[in-house]
Amino acid sequence: MDFNTFVDYLQAVIGVVWPFLPFLAAALLFFVFIRALKPKSVVAYSTDQGRVMVSKGAIVELVQTSCEQIGDVFKPSVKIRTKGHTTHFEIRIKLASGGRMRDVEQTLQEHLRTALTENLGIERVGRIDIIATGFKSGKIQPARPRASESETEPPPKVLGEDDEFDLDPDEKRPN
């Protein structure tokens, strides 16, 4: 494709998009506005005097510190969704080498459910979905030495006074 063909193609695309440009700009502004309206906190519970809120940052910090206590979990990230009066969580983690997903999932869900309800006071905790996004492998150790390494002679054995050994008939006995 030469330059003139490319310019003609670009002008054709702009000609098709130009009438819709105000609508595209309005849609973009609408999404930015909706994003700005998203609450930065979650309703923990309500009383007659008002609502008690917990910031999403506090929830993220709670999840991160909980994951730090489990040695098999790395790089947690949290998504928080509120549906009605129930708060749902999606936690993405990397699992360490030797870590068992079932054990990590059970421990993390139990701990988080308790911490969210008792520490932060969130009454309606919904689903806590744990998603493994990767695997952090440990160092791999070779199973056995290579052939070139095993061909080297082993170090000579040092014999003590109590060790028994056979001498070749041609060798003299040590004094």
N, C-alpha and C. Protein backbone atom coordinates (compact mmCIF):
# COMPACT_ATOMS: atom_id res chain seq x y z
N MET A 1 0.85 -1.17 0.00
CA MET A 1 0.00 0.00 0.00
C MET A 1 0.90 1.24 0.00
N ASP A 2 0.71 2.09 -1.00
CA ASP A 2 1.51 3.31 -1.05
C ASP A 2 0.86 4.41 -0.21
N PHE A 3 1.53 5.53 -0.12
CA PHE A 3 1.10 6.61 0.76
C PHE A 3 -0.23 7.21 0.32
N ASN A 4 -0.43 7.41 -0.99
CA ASN A 4 -1.67 8.01 -1.49
C ASN A 4 -2.87 7.12 -1.22
N THR A 5 -2.69 5.81 -1.35
CA THR A 5 -3.77 4.87 -1.05
C THR A 5 -4.12 4.92 0.43
N PHE A 6 -3.11 5.02 1.26
CA PHE A 6 -3.33 5.10 2.71
C PHE A 6 -4.09 6.38 3.06
N VAL A 7 -3.74 7.51 2.47
CA VAL A 7 -4.42 8.79 2.73
C VAL A 7 -5.88 8.69 2.28
N ASP A 8 -6.13 8.10 1.12
CA ASP A 8 -7.51 7.93 0.63
C ASP A 8 -8.31 7.06 1.59
N TYR A 9 -7.70 6.00 2.07
CA TYR A 9 -8.36 5.11 3.03
C TYR A 9 -8.68 5.85 4.32
N LEU A 10 -7.75 6.64 4.83
CA LEU A 10 -7.94 7.40 6.06
C LEU A 10 -9.05 8.43 5.89
N GLN A 11 -9.11 9.10 4.77
CA GLN A 11 -10.17 10.07 4.51
C GLN A 11 -11.54 9.38 4.45
N ALA A 12 -11.61 8.19 3.90
CA ALA A 12 -12.87 7.45 3.84
C ALA A 12 -13.34 7.07 5.24
N VAL A 13 -12.40 6.63 6.09
CA VAL A 13 -12.76 6.26 7.46
C VAL A 13 -13.24 7.49 8.22
N ILE A 14 -12.56 8.59 8.08
CA ILE A 14 -12.95 9.83 8.77
C ILE A 14 -14.32 10.29 8.27
N GLY A 15 -14.57 10.14 6.98
CA GLY A 15 -15.88 10.51 6.41
C GLY A 15 -17.01 9.70 7.01
N VAL A 16 -16.77 8.42 7.31
CA VAL A 16 -17.80 7.56 7.89
C VAL A 16 -17.97 7.87 9.37
N VAL A 17 -16.88 8.14 10.09
CA VAL A 17 -16.92 8.34 11.53
C VAL A 17 -17.37 9.76 11.90
N TRP A 18 -17.10 10.73 11.06
CA TRP A 18 -17.35 12.15 11.39
C TRP A 18 -18.79 12.43 11.85
N PRO A 19 -19.82 11.90 11.19
CA PRO A 19 -21.19 12.19 11.66
C PRO A 19 -21.48 11.62 13.05
N PHE A 20 -20.77 10.57 13.42
CA PHE A 20 -21.02 9.92 14.71
C PHE A 20 -20.12 10.45 15.83
N LEU A 21 -19.22 11.34 15.51
CA LEU A 21 -18.26 11.84 16.49
C LEU A 21 -18.92 12.47 17.72
N PRO A 22 -19.97 13.28 17.58
CA PRO A 22 -20.61 13.81 18.80
C PRO A 22 -21.18 12.71 19.70
N PHE A 23 -21.74 11.67 19.08
CA PHE A 23 -22.29 10.57 19.88
C PHE A 23 -21.19 9.80 20.60
N LEU A 24 -20.06 9.58 19.92
CA LEU A 24 -18.93 8.89 20.55
C LEU A 24 -18.37 9.71 21.70
N ALA A 25 -18.27 11.03 21.53
CA ALA A 25 -17.79 11.89 22.61
C ALA A 25 -18.75 11.87 23.78
N ALA A 26 -20.05 11.91 23.51
CA ALA A 26 -21.05 11.86 24.59
C ALA A 26 -20.98 10.53 25.35
N ALA A 27 -20.79 9.44 24.62
CA ALA A 27 -20.69 8.13 25.27
C ALA A 27 -19.45 8.06 26.15
N LEU A 28 -18.35 8.61 25.67
CA LEU A 28 -17.12 8.63 26.47
C LEU A 28 -17.31 9.45 27.74
N LEU A 29 -17.91 10.61 27.62
CA LEU A 29 -18.18 11.44 28.80
C LEU A 29 -19.13 10.74 29.76
N PHE A 30 -20.12 10.03 29.23
CA PHE A 30 -21.05 9.29 30.08
C PHE A 30 -20.33 8.23 30.89
N PHE A 31 -19.44 7.47 30.25
CA PHE A 31 -18.70 6.43 30.97
C PHE A 31 -17.76 7.02 32.02
N VAL A 32 -17.14 8.14 31.71
CA VAL A 32 -16.28 8.81 32.69
C VAL A 32 -17.11 9.29 33.87
N PHE A 33 -18.29 9.83 33.60
CA PHE A 33 -19.18 10.31 34.65
C PHE A 33 -19.65 9.16 35.53
N ILE A 34 -20.06 8.06 34.92
CA ILE A 34 -20.50 6.88 35.69
C ILE A 34 -19.37 6.34 36.55
N ARG A 35 -18.17 6.31 35.99
CA ARG A 35 -17.00 5.83 36.74
C ARG A 35 -16.74 6.72 37.96
N ALA A 36 -16.92 8.03 37.79
CA ALA A 36 -16.71 8.96 38.90
C ALA A 36 -17.77 8.79 39.98
N LEU A 37 -18.95 8.31 39.60
CA LEU A 37 -20.03 8.14 40.57
C LEU A 37 -19.89 6.85 41.39
N LYS A 38 -19.03 5.94 40.96
CA LYS A 38 -18.87 4.69 41.71
C LYS A 38 -18.42 5.02 43.13
N PRO A 39 -19.04 4.39 44.10
CA PRO A 39 -18.65 4.70 45.48
C PRO A 39 -17.24 4.21 45.79
N LYS A 40 -16.55 4.98 46.59
CA LYS A 40 -15.19 4.64 47.00
C LYS A 40 -15.21 3.86 48.31
N SER A 41 -16.41 3.57 48.81
CA SER A 41 -16.52 2.82 50.06
C SER A 41 -17.72 1.88 49.98
N VAL A 42 -17.77 0.95 50.92
CA VAL A 42 -18.79 -0.07 50.99
C VAL A 42 -19.57 0.13 52.29
N VAL A 43 -20.88 -0.04 52.21
CA VAL A 43 -21.70 0.07 53.43
C VAL A 43 -21.46 -1.17 54.27
N ALA A 44 -20.93 -0.98 55.47
CA ALA A 44 -20.72 -2.09 56.38
C ALA A 44 -22.04 -2.48 57.03
N TYR A 45 -22.72 -1.50 57.61
CA TYR A 45 -24.04 -1.73 58.19
C TYR A 45 -24.72 -0.38 58.40
N SER A 46 -26.01 -0.45 58.63
CA SER A 46 -26.79 0.76 58.85
C SER A 46 -27.41 0.72 60.22
N THR A 47 -27.52 1.90 60.83
CA THR A 47 -28.21 2.04 62.11
C THR A 47 -29.29 3.11 61.95
N ASP A 48 -30.04 3.36 63.00
CA ASP A 48 -31.05 4.41 62.96
C ASP A 48 -30.41 5.79 62.78
N GLN A 49 -29.17 5.93 63.25
CA GLN A 49 -28.50 7.22 63.16
C GLN A 49 -27.79 7.44 61.82
N GLY A 50 -27.56 6.39 61.07
CA GLY A 50 -26.89 6.55 59.78
C GLY A 50 -26.21 5.27 59.34
N ARG A 51 -25.38 5.41 58.30
CA ARG A 51 -24.66 4.25 57.75
C ARG A 51 -23.21 4.27 58.21
N VAL A 52 -22.64 3.07 58.35
CA VAL A 52 -21.22 2.94 58.64
C VAL A 52 -20.57 2.41 57.37
N MET A 53 -19.55 3.15 56.91
CA MET A 53 -18.90 2.82 55.64
C MET A 53 -17.46 2.35 55.88
N VAL A 54 -16.99 1.51 54.97
CA VAL A 54 -15.60 1.05 54.99
C VAL A 54 -15.02 1.38 53.62
N SER A 55 -13.87 2.03 53.60
CA SER A 55 -13.27 2.39 52.30
C SER A 55 -12.78 1.13 51.59
N LYS A 56 -12.82 1.19 50.28
CA LYS A 56 -12.33 0.05 49.49
C LYS A 56 -10.83 -0.14 49.72
N GLY A 57 -10.12 0.95 49.98
CA GLY A 57 -8.69 0.85 50.27
C GLY A 57 -8.43 0.04 51.54
N ALA A 58 -9.29 0.19 52.55
CA ALA A 58 -9.14 -0.59 53.78
C ALA A 58 -9.37 -2.07 53.52
N ILE A 59 -10.32 -2.37 52.65
CA ILE A 59 -10.60 -3.78 52.32
C ILE A 59 -9.43 -4.37 51.55
N VAL A 60 -8.89 -3.61 50.60
CA VAL A 60 -7.74 -4.09 49.82
C VAL A 60 -6.56 -4.33 50.76
N GLU A 61 -6.33 -3.43 51.69
CA GLU A 61 -5.22 -3.59 52.64
C GLU A 61 -5.41 -4.82 53.52
N LEU A 62 -6.64 -5.06 53.94
CA LEU A 62 -6.94 -6.26 54.74
C LEU A 62 -6.64 -7.53 53.95
N VAL A 63 -7.04 -7.57 52.68
CA VAL A 63 -6.78 -8.75 51.85
C VAL A 63 -5.29 -8.94 51.64
N GLN A 64 -4.57 -7.86 51.38
CA GLN A 64 -3.12 -7.96 51.15
C GLN A 64 -2.39 -8.45 52.39
N THR A 65 -2.72 -7.92 53.55
CA THR A 65 -2.05 -8.38 54.77
C THR A 65 -2.43 -9.82 55.11
N SER A 66 -3.64 -10.22 54.78
CA SER A 66 -4.04 -11.62 55.00
C SER A 66 -3.25 -12.54 54.09
N CYS A 67 -3.06 -12.13 52.85
CA CYS A 67 -2.30 -12.96 51.90
C CYS A 67 -0.83 -13.04 52.28
N GLU A 68 -0.28 -11.97 52.88
CA GLU A 68 1.12 -11.99 53.32
C GLU A 68 1.34 -13.03 54.41
N GLN A 69 0.31 -13.31 55.19
CA GLN A 69 0.44 -14.28 56.28
C GLN A 69 0.45 -15.71 55.77
N ILE A 70 -0.03 -15.91 54.55
CA ILE A 70 -0.01 -17.24 53.94
C ILE A 70 1.23 -17.29 53.06
N GLY A 71 2.17 -18.14 53.38
CA GLY A 71 3.44 -18.17 52.67
C GLY A 71 3.35 -18.57 51.21
N ASP A 72 2.25 -19.19 50.79
CA ASP A 72 2.14 -19.70 49.43
C ASP A 72 1.45 -18.72 48.48
N VAL A 73 1.14 -17.50 48.94
CA VAL A 73 0.38 -16.55 48.14
C VAL A 73 1.23 -15.31 47.86
N PHE A 74 1.22 -14.88 46.58
CA PHE A 74 1.98 -13.70 46.17
C PHE A 74 1.10 -12.81 45.28
N LYS A 75 1.40 -11.53 45.28
CA LYS A 75 0.78 -10.53 44.41
C LYS A 75 -0.74 -10.58 44.39
N PRO A 76 -1.40 -10.39 45.52
CA PRO A 76 -2.86 -10.40 45.50
C PRO A 76 -3.41 -9.10 44.91
N SER A 77 -4.51 -9.21 44.18
CA SER A 77 -5.25 -8.04 43.72
C SER A 77 -6.73 -8.30 44.01
N VAL A 78 -7.46 -7.22 44.27
CA VAL A 78 -8.84 -7.36 44.74
C VAL A 78 -9.78 -6.55 43.85
N LYS A 79 -10.92 -7.15 43.50
CA LYS A 79 -12.02 -6.45 42.86
C LYS A 79 -13.21 -6.57 43.80
N ILE A 80 -13.87 -5.45 44.04
CA ILE A 80 -15.00 -5.42 44.97
C ILE A 80 -16.24 -5.00 44.19
N ARG A 81 -17.30 -5.82 44.29
CA ARG A 81 -18.56 -5.50 43.63
C ARG A 81 -19.67 -5.52 44.68
N THR A 82 -20.55 -4.55 44.60
CA THR A 82 -21.70 -4.53 45.48
C THR A 82 -22.94 -4.75 44.64
N LYS A 83 -23.72 -5.73 45.02
CA LYS A 83 -24.95 -6.05 44.31
C LYS A 83 -26.07 -6.00 45.35
N GLY A 84 -26.91 -5.01 45.26
CA GLY A 84 -27.93 -4.81 46.29
C GLY A 84 -27.23 -4.38 47.58
N HIS A 85 -27.46 -5.13 48.64
CA HIS A 85 -26.81 -4.83 49.92
C HIS A 85 -25.68 -5.81 50.22
N THR A 86 -25.34 -6.67 49.26
CA THR A 86 -24.32 -7.70 49.46
C THR A 86 -23.05 -7.31 48.72
N THR A 87 -21.92 -7.50 49.38
CA THR A 87 -20.62 -7.18 48.78
C THR A 87 -19.92 -8.47 48.40
N HIS A 88 -19.48 -8.54 47.15
CA HIS A 88 -18.78 -9.71 46.61
C HIS A 88 -17.34 -9.33 46.33
N PHE A 89 -16.44 -10.32 46.43
CA PHE A 89 -15.02 -10.07 46.26
C PHE A 89 -14.43 -11.05 45.26
N GLU A 90 -13.51 -10.55 44.45
CA GLU A 90 -12.73 -11.39 43.54
C GLU A 90 -11.26 -11.14 43.87
N ILE A 91 -10.57 -12.18 44.31
CA ILE A 91 -9.18 -12.04 44.72
C ILE A 91 -8.33 -12.87 43.79
N ARG A 92 -7.39 -12.20 43.13
CA ARG A 92 -6.48 -12.85 42.19
C ARG A 92 -5.12 -12.98 42.87
N ILE A 93 -4.56 -14.19 42.80
CA ILE A 93 -3.29 -14.45 43.48
C ILE A 93 -2.36 -15.25 42.58
N LYS A 94 -1.07 -15.18 42.92
CA LYS A 94 -0.08 -16.10 42.36
C LYS A 94 0.20 -17.12 43.44
N LEU A 95 0.27 -18.37 43.06
CA LEU A 95 0.50 -19.46 43.99
C LEU A 95 1.97 -19.88 43.95
N ALA A 96 2.55 -20.10 45.12
CA ALA A 96 3.96 -20.48 45.20
C ALA A 96 4.14 -21.95 44.86
N SER A 97 5.36 -22.28 44.51
CA SER A 97 5.72 -23.66 44.23
C SER A 97 5.47 -24.50 45.49
N GLY A 98 4.80 -25.59 45.34
CA GLY A 98 4.50 -26.45 46.47
C GLY A 98 3.22 -26.07 47.19
N GLY A 99 2.64 -24.93 46.84
CA GLY A 99 1.39 -24.50 47.46
C GLY A 99 0.22 -25.30 46.90
N ARG A 100 -0.73 -25.60 47.76
CA ARG A 100 -1.90 -26.36 47.33
C ARG A 100 -3.09 -25.43 47.28
N MET A 101 -3.68 -25.29 46.11
CA MET A 101 -4.75 -24.33 45.87
C MET A 101 -5.94 -24.57 46.81
N ARG A 102 -6.32 -25.80 47.02
CA ARG A 102 -7.47 -26.08 47.89
C ARG A 102 -7.22 -25.58 49.31
N ASP A 103 -6.02 -25.83 49.83
CA ASP A 103 -5.69 -25.39 51.18
C ASP A 103 -5.65 -23.87 51.27
N VAL A 104 -5.03 -23.24 50.27
CA VAL A 104 -4.92 -21.77 50.25
C VAL A 104 -6.31 -21.16 50.15
N GLU A 105 -7.12 -21.68 49.26
CA GLU A 105 -8.48 -21.14 49.06
C GLU A 105 -9.30 -21.25 50.34
N GLN A 106 -9.27 -22.39 50.97
CA GLN A 106 -10.07 -22.60 52.19
C GLN A 106 -9.59 -21.68 53.31
N THR A 107 -8.29 -21.61 53.52
CA THR A 107 -7.72 -20.77 54.57
C THR A 107 -8.02 -19.31 54.32
N LEU A 108 -7.81 -18.86 53.09
CA LEU A 108 -8.00 -17.46 52.75
C LEU A 108 -9.47 -17.06 52.85
N GLN A 109 -10.37 -17.89 52.35
CA GLN A 109 -11.79 -17.56 52.42
C GLN A 109 -12.29 -17.50 53.86
N GLU A 110 -11.90 -18.47 54.68
CA GLU A 110 -12.34 -18.46 56.08
C GLU A 110 -11.80 -17.23 56.81
N HIS A 111 -10.51 -16.95 56.61
CA HIS A 111 -9.90 -15.81 57.30
C HIS A 111 -10.53 -14.49 56.85
N LEU A 112 -10.72 -14.33 55.53
CA LEU A 112 -11.27 -13.08 55.02
C LEU A 112 -12.73 -12.89 55.45
N ARG A 113 -13.51 -13.93 55.42
CA ARG A 113 -14.91 -13.82 55.83
C ARG A 113 -15.00 -13.37 57.29
N THR A 114 -14.15 -13.96 58.14
CA THR A 114 -14.13 -13.58 59.55
C THR A 114 -13.64 -12.15 59.72
N ALA A 115 -12.56 -11.80 59.05
CA ALA A 115 -11.99 -10.45 59.20
C ALA A 115 -12.94 -9.38 58.66
N LEU A 116 -13.58 -9.64 57.54
CA LEU A 116 -14.49 -8.65 56.96
C LEU A 116 -15.71 -8.42 57.84
N THR A 117 -16.22 -9.48 58.45
CA THR A 117 -17.41 -9.32 59.29
C THR A 117 -17.06 -8.83 60.69
N GLU A 118 -16.03 -9.41 61.30
CA GLU A 118 -15.71 -9.05 62.68
C GLU A 118 -14.87 -7.78 62.78
N ASN A 119 -13.82 -7.66 61.98
CA ASN A 119 -12.94 -6.48 62.08
C ASN A 119 -13.55 -5.24 61.44
N LEU A 120 -14.03 -5.39 60.19
CA LEU A 120 -14.54 -4.22 59.48
C LEU A 120 -16.05 -4.04 59.63
N GLY A 121 -16.74 -5.03 60.16
CA GLY A 121 -18.17 -4.89 60.42
C GLY A 121 -19.07 -5.04 59.21
N ILE A 122 -18.57 -5.57 58.12
CA ILE A 122 -19.40 -5.75 56.93
C ILE A 122 -20.34 -6.92 57.19
N GLU A 123 -21.64 -6.62 57.22
CA GLU A 123 -22.62 -7.63 57.61
C GLU A 123 -22.96 -8.60 56.48
N ARG A 124 -23.02 -8.11 55.28
CA ARG A 124 -23.46 -8.96 54.16
C ARG A 124 -22.31 -9.22 53.20
N VAL A 125 -21.49 -10.19 53.56
CA VAL A 125 -20.39 -10.61 52.71
C VAL A 125 -20.92 -11.71 51.80
N GLY A 126 -20.81 -11.48 50.51
CA GLY A 126 -21.29 -12.45 49.53
C GLY A 126 -20.19 -13.44 49.15
N ARG A 127 -20.02 -13.61 47.87
CA ARG A 127 -19.03 -14.56 47.35
C ARG A 127 -17.63 -14.00 47.52
N ILE A 128 -16.70 -14.88 47.84
CA ILE A 128 -15.28 -14.55 47.84
C ILE A 128 -14.64 -15.51 46.85
N ASP A 129 -14.45 -15.04 45.63
CA ASP A 129 -13.88 -15.87 44.58
C ASP A 129 -12.37 -15.72 44.57
N ILE A 130 -11.66 -16.84 44.61
CA ILE A 130 -10.20 -16.86 44.56
C ILE A 130 -9.80 -17.35 43.17
N ILE A 131 -8.97 -16.56 42.50
CA ILE A 131 -8.54 -16.91 41.15
C ILE A 131 -7.01 -16.97 41.13
N ALA A 132 -6.47 -18.12 40.76
CA ALA A 132 -5.01 -18.25 40.61
C ALA A 132 -4.63 -17.71 39.24
N THR A 133 -3.80 -16.68 39.23
CA THR A 133 -3.41 -16.05 37.97
C THR A 133 -2.04 -16.49 37.50
N GLY A 134 -1.30 -17.18 38.35
CA GLY A 134 0.03 -17.61 37.97
C GLY A 134 0.61 -18.53 39.01
N PHE A 135 1.82 -18.95 38.73
CA PHE A 135 2.50 -19.91 39.58
C PHE A 135 3.93 -19.44 39.75
N LYS A 136 4.36 -19.26 40.98
CA LYS A 136 5.73 -18.83 41.24
C LYS A 136 6.56 -20.07 41.53
N SER A 137 7.41 -20.43 40.60
CA SER A 137 8.19 -21.65 40.72
C SER A 137 9.45 -21.41 41.55
N GLY A 138 9.82 -22.42 42.30
CA GLY A 138 11.07 -22.37 43.04
C GLY A 138 12.22 -22.76 42.13
N LYS A 139 13.42 -22.76 42.68
CA LYS A 139 14.58 -23.17 41.87
C LYS A 139 14.53 -24.67 41.66
N ILE A 140 14.88 -25.07 40.47
CA ILE A 140 14.88 -26.48 40.12
C ILE A 140 16.26 -27.06 40.37
N GLN A 141 16.32 -28.14 41.11
CA GLN A 141 17.57 -28.81 41.40
C GLN A 141 17.70 -30.01 40.46
N PRO A 142 18.88 -30.24 39.88
CA PRO A 142 19.04 -31.40 39.00
C PRO A 142 18.87 -32.69 39.81
N ALA A 143 18.23 -33.67 39.19
CA ALA A 143 17.96 -34.93 39.87
C ALA A 143 19.23 -35.72 40.14
N ARG A 144 20.16 -35.70 39.21
CA ARG A 144 21.43 -36.41 39.39
C ARG A 144 22.50 -35.69 38.59
N PRO A 145 23.75 -35.90 38.93
CA PRO A 145 24.81 -35.20 38.20
C PRO A 145 24.88 -35.67 36.76
N ARG A 146 25.39 -34.81 35.91
CA ARG A 146 25.57 -35.15 34.50
C ARG A 146 26.67 -36.19 34.36
N ALA A 147 26.73 -36.83 33.21
CA ALA A 147 27.71 -37.88 32.96
C ALA A 147 29.13 -37.34 33.09
N SER A 148 29.37 -36.13 32.63
CA SER A 148 30.72 -35.58 32.68
C SER A 148 31.15 -35.34 34.12
N GLU A 149 30.18 -34.98 35.01
CA GLU A 149 30.51 -34.75 36.41
C GLU A 149 30.75 -36.07 37.15
N SER A 150 30.02 -37.12 36.77
CA SER A 150 30.16 -38.40 37.48
C SER A 150 31.42 -39.15 37.04
N GLU A 151 32.03 -38.76 35.93
CA GLU A 151 33.22 -39.45 35.47
C GLU A 151 34.47 -39.03 36.22
N THR A 152 34.41 -37.96 36.96
CA THR A 152 35.58 -37.55 37.73
C THR A 152 35.79 -38.51 38.87
N GLU A 153 37.03 -38.67 39.27
CA GLU A 153 37.35 -39.62 40.33
C GLU A 153 36.88 -39.08 41.67
N PRO A 154 36.36 -39.98 42.51
CA PRO A 154 35.97 -39.53 43.85
C PRO A 154 37.23 -39.25 44.66
N PRO A 155 37.13 -38.42 45.68
CA PRO A 155 38.31 -38.13 46.49
C PRO A 155 38.78 -39.40 47.20
N PRO A 156 40.08 -39.53 47.41
CA PRO A 156 40.59 -40.74 48.06
C PRO A 156 40.07 -40.85 49.48
N LYS A 157 39.83 -42.10 49.90
CA LYS A 157 39.34 -42.34 51.24
C LYS A 157 40.52 -42.31 52.21
N VAL A 158 40.30 -41.62 53.32
CA VAL A 158 41.32 -41.57 54.36
C VAL A 158 41.01 -42.69 55.33
N LEU A 159 42.00 -43.57 55.52
CA LEU A 159 41.79 -44.71 56.40
C LEU A 159 42.33 -44.43 57.79
N GLY A 160 41.54 -44.85 58.74
CA GLY A 160 41.98 -44.70 60.12
C GLY A 160 42.63 -45.99 60.59
N GLU A 161 43.04 -46.04 61.86
CA GLU A 161 43.72 -47.22 62.40
C GLU A 161 42.80 -48.42 62.47
N ASP A 162 41.52 -48.19 62.71
CA ASP A 162 40.60 -49.31 62.90
C ASP A 162 40.02 -49.83 61.59
N ASP A 163 40.27 -49.15 60.47
CA ASP A 163 39.74 -49.59 59.19
C ASP A 163 40.50 -50.81 58.69
N GLU A 164 39.72 -51.73 58.08
CA GLU A 164 40.35 -52.90 57.48
C GLU A 164 40.49 -52.65 55.99
N PHE A 165 41.56 -53.16 55.44
CA PHE A 165 41.76 -53.01 54.01
C PHE A 165 42.65 -54.14 53.53
N ASP A 166 42.51 -54.44 52.24
CA ASP A 166 43.33 -55.47 51.62
C ASP A 166 44.41 -54.78 50.81
N LEU A 167 45.61 -55.34 50.89
CA LEU A 167 46.71 -54.82 50.08
C LEU A 167 46.97 -55.78 48.93
N ASP A 168 47.40 -55.21 47.86
CA ASP A 168 47.85 -56.07 46.77
C ASP A 168 49.09 -56.83 47.26
N PRO A 169 49.27 -58.04 46.80
CA PRO A 169 50.44 -58.79 47.24
C PRO A 169 51.76 -58.10 46.88
N ASP A 170 51.74 -57.27 45.84
CA ASP A 170 52.97 -56.60 45.43
C ASP A 170 53.29 -55.40 46.32
N GLU A 171 52.29 -54.88 47.04
CA GLU A 171 52.51 -53.68 47.86
C GLU A 171 53.10 -54.09 49.20
N LYS A 172 53.87 -53.20 49.76
CA LYS A 172 54.41 -53.43 51.09
C LYS A 172 53.44 -52.92 52.13
N ARG A 173 53.45 -53.56 53.29
CA ARG A 173 52.62 -53.12 54.39
C ARG A 173 53.23 -51.87 55.01
N PRO A 174 52.38 -50.92 55.40
CA PRO A 174 52.93 -49.74 56.06
C PRO A 174 53.43 -50.10 57.46
N ASN A 175 54.44 -49.44 57.88
CA ASN A 175 55.02 -49.71 59.21
C ASN A 175 54.29 -48.99 60.27
